[in-house]
Amino acid sequence: MSAKSFIAQLRTRPEKRGDMIALQSELKSLVFEREPDALVYELFQSESDPDLFQVVATFRDDAAYEKHMHIDFHDRLVPGILECVAEDMKLEFYRSLP
């Protein structure tokens, strides 16, 4: 089975930018600490638009992705992240190729 990845685009309300960064940074740290099958989890901020973020994540397989979606800290942090966004998140899924 190939790795499963997603790219999420989030536009933050300007007054919530600091909260978004703090919550995403905590999520990233916990992913690397507690999810060995999460191969990549990165937060990027646009250089030209400081309220625009991309989250890029890659998981070893579907099971690792499902674990991520139901792990305790995900359930704790994601609602706060979603409270920071100004519009619906754009989310695309990808598969690695050989």
C-alpha atoms as a PDB file:
ATOM      1  CA  MET A   1       0.000   0.000   0.000  1.00  0.00           C
ATOM      2  CA  SER A   2       1.274   3.465  -0.846  1.00  0.00           C
ATOM      3  CA  ALA A   3       1.639   6.378   1.511  1.00  0.00           C
ATOM      4  CA  LYS A   4      -1.337   8.699   1.987  1.00  0.00           C
ATOM      5  CA  SER A   5      -0.798  12.457   1.985  1.00  0.00           C
ATOM      6  CA  PHE A   6      -2.893  15.551   2.265  1.00  0.00           C
ATOM      7  CA  ILE A   7      -2.420  19.211   1.589  1.00  0.00           C
ATOM      8  CA  ALA A   8      -4.737  21.506   3.498  1.00  0.00           C
ATOM      9  CA  GLN A   9      -5.020  25.204   2.736  1.00  0.00           C
ATOM     10  CA  LEU A  10      -6.243  27.360   5.591  1.00  0.00           C
ATOM     11  CA  ARG A  11      -6.936  31.080   5.564  1.00  0.00           C
ATOM     12  CA  THR A  12      -6.764  32.465   9.070  1.00  0.00           C
ATOM     13  CA  ARG A  13      -8.615  35.439  10.446  1.00  0.00           C
ATOM     14  CA  PRO A  14      -5.869  38.034  11.031  1.00  0.00           C
ATOM     15  CA  GLU A  15      -6.643  38.382  14.735  1.00  0.00           C
ATOM     16  CA  LYS A  16      -6.349  34.591  15.140  1.00  0.00           C
ATOM     17  CA  ARG A  17      -3.056  34.127  13.238  1.00  0.00           C
ATOM     18  CA  GLY A  18      -0.986  33.728  16.414  1.00  0.00           C
ATOM     19  CA  ASP A  19      -3.434  31.181  17.821  1.00  0.00           C
ATOM     20  CA  MET A  20      -3.337  29.222  14.548  1.00  0.00           C
ATOM     21  CA  ILE A  21       0.446  29.089  14.574  1.00  0.00           C
ATOM     22  CA  ALA A  22       0.567  28.047  18.242  1.00  0.00           C
ATOM     23  CA  LEU A  23      -2.038  25.296  17.831  1.00  0.00           C
ATOM     24  CA  GLN A  24      -0.535  23.964  14.612  1.00  0.00           C
ATOM     25  CA  SER A  25       2.956  24.026  16.129  1.00  0.00           C
ATOM     26  CA  GLU A  26       1.740  21.980  19.089  1.00  0.00           C
ATOM     27  CA  LEU A  27      -0.013  19.558  16.739  1.00  0.00           C
ATOM     28  CA  LYS A  28       3.137  19.176  14.638  1.00  0.00           C
ATOM     29  CA  SER A  29       5.275  18.512  17.708  1.00  0.00           C
ATOM     30  CA  LEU A  30       2.865  15.877  19.026  1.00  0.00           C
ATOM     31  CA  VAL A  31       2.582  14.191  15.632  1.00  0.00           C
ATOM     32  CA  PHE A  32       6.359  13.706  15.495  1.00  0.00           C
ATOM     33  CA  GLU A  33       6.491  12.617  19.147  1.00  0.00           C
ATOM     34  CA  ARG A  34       3.601  10.145  19.164  1.00  0.00           C
ATOM     35  CA  GLU A  35       2.944   9.050  15.575  1.00  0.00           C
ATOM     36  CA  PRO A  36       5.929   7.145  14.173  1.00  0.00           C
ATOM     37  CA  ASP A  37       4.000   6.363  10.969  1.00  0.00           C
ATOM     38  CA  ALA A  38       3.516  10.062  10.226  1.00  0.00           C
ATOM     39  CA  LEU A  39       6.394  10.655   7.838  1.00  0.00           C
ATOM     40  CA  VAL A  40       5.791  14.360   7.203  1.00  0.00           C
ATOM     41  CA  TYR A  41       3.792  17.020   9.015  1.00  0.00           C
ATOM     42  CA  GLU A  42       4.672  20.576   8.095  1.00  0.00           C
ATOM     43  CA  LEU A  43       3.006  23.958   8.402  1.00  0.00           C
ATOM     44  CA  PHE A  44       3.868  26.603   5.813  1.00  0.00           C
ATOM     45  CA  GLN A  45       2.936  30.283   5.900  1.00  0.00           C
ATOM     46  CA  SER A  46       2.734  32.276   2.680  1.00  0.00           C
ATOM     47  CA  GLU A  47       5.440  34.911   2.288  1.00  0.00           C
ATOM     48  CA  SER A  48       3.084  37.234   0.416  1.00  0.00           C
ATOM     49  CA  ASP A  49      -0.080  36.610   2.482  1.00  0.00           C
ATOM     50  CA  PRO A  50       0.588  36.022   6.209  1.00  0.00           C
ATOM     51  CA  ASP A  51      -2.947  34.732   6.788  1.00  0.00           C
ATOM     52  CA  LEU A  52      -2.580  31.896   4.263  1.00  0.00           C
ATOM     53  CA  PHE A  53      -1.225  28.537   5.464  1.00  0.00           C
ATOM     54  CA  GLN A  54      -0.615  25.126   3.939  1.00  0.00           C
ATOM     55  CA  VAL A  55      -0.382  21.953   5.987  1.00  0.00           C
ATOM     56  CA  VAL A  56       1.379  19.079   4.245  1.00  0.00           C
ATOM     57  CA  ALA A  57       1.224  15.641   5.835  1.00  0.00           C
ATOM     58  CA  THR A  58       2.235  12.160   4.740  1.00  0.00           C
ATOM     59  CA  PHE A  59       1.359   8.945   6.525  1.00  0.00           C
ATOM     60  CA  ARG A  60       2.875   5.517   5.897  1.00  0.00           C
ATOM     61  CA  ASP A  61      -0.531   4.090   4.924  1.00  0.00           C
ATOM     62  CA  ASP A  62      -4.285   4.470   5.399  1.00  0.00           C
ATOM     63  CA  ALA A  63      -4.146   2.956   8.893  1.00  0.00           C
ATOM     64  CA  ALA A  64      -1.610   5.580  10.015  1.00  0.00           C
ATOM     65  CA  TYR A  65      -3.820   8.339   8.613  1.00  0.00           C
ATOM     66  CA  GLU A  66      -6.878   6.945  10.417  1.00  0.00           C
ATOM     67  CA  LYS A  67      -4.887   6.750  13.663  1.00  0.00           C
ATOM     68  CA  HIS A  68      -3.936  10.419  13.229  1.00  0.00           C
ATOM     69  CA  MET A  69      -7.540  11.437  12.692  1.00  0.00           C
ATOM     70  CA  HIS A  70      -8.646   9.796  15.957  1.00  0.00           C
ATOM     71  CA  ILE A  71      -5.702  10.357  18.293  1.00  0.00           C
ATOM     72  CA  ASP A  72      -6.516  12.262  21.478  1.00  0.00           C
ATOM     73  CA  PHE A  73      -4.472  15.387  20.782  1.00  0.00           C
ATOM     74  CA  HIS A  74      -5.966  15.734  17.297  1.00  0.00           C
ATOM     75  CA  ASP A  75      -9.444  15.767  18.816  1.00  0.00           C
ATOM     76  CA  ARG A  76      -8.287  18.369  21.347  1.00  0.00           C
ATOM     77  CA  LEU A  77      -6.435  20.746  18.989  1.00  0.00           C
ATOM     78  CA  VAL A  78      -8.321  20.693  15.688  1.00  0.00           C
ATOM     79  CA  PRO A  79     -11.524  22.382  16.936  1.00  0.00           C
ATOM     80  CA  GLY A  80      -9.420  25.357  18.072  1.00  0.00           C
ATOM     81  CA  ILE A  81      -7.628  25.441  14.730  1.00  0.00           C
ATOM     82  CA  LEU A  82     -10.942  25.467  12.884  1.00  0.00           C
ATOM     83  CA  GLU A  83     -12.106  28.386  15.047  1.00  0.00           C
ATOM     84  CA  CYS A  84      -9.186  30.393  13.634  1.00  0.00           C
ATOM     85  CA  VAL A  85     -10.045  29.973   9.972  1.00  0.00           C
ATOM     86  CA  ALA A  86     -11.823  32.642   7.968  1.00  0.00           C
ATOM     87  CA  GLU A  87     -13.224  30.316   5.297  1.00  0.00           C
ATOM     88  CA  ASP A  88     -13.659  26.628   4.580  1.00  0.00           C
ATOM     89  CA  MET A  89     -10.429  24.671   4.523  1.00  0.00           C
ATOM     90  CA  LYS A  90      -9.385  23.351   1.119  1.00  0.00           C
ATOM     91  CA  LEU A  91      -8.271  19.743   1.467  1.00  0.00           C
ATOM     92  CA  GLU A  92      -6.794  17.449  -1.183  1.00  0.00           C
ATOM     93  CA  PHE A  93      -5.557  13.874  -0.746  1.00  0.00           C
ATOM     94  CA  TYR A  94      -2.678  12.274  -2.634  1.00  0.00           C
ATOM     95  CA  ARG A  95      -0.965   8.889  -3.014  1.00  0.00           C
ATOM     96  CA  SER A  96       2.751   8.376  -3.410  1.00  0.00           C
ATOM     97  CA  LEU A  97       3.897   6.797  -6.657  1.00  0.00           C
ATOM     98  CA  PRO A  98       6.635   4.200  -7.069  1.00  0.00           C
END
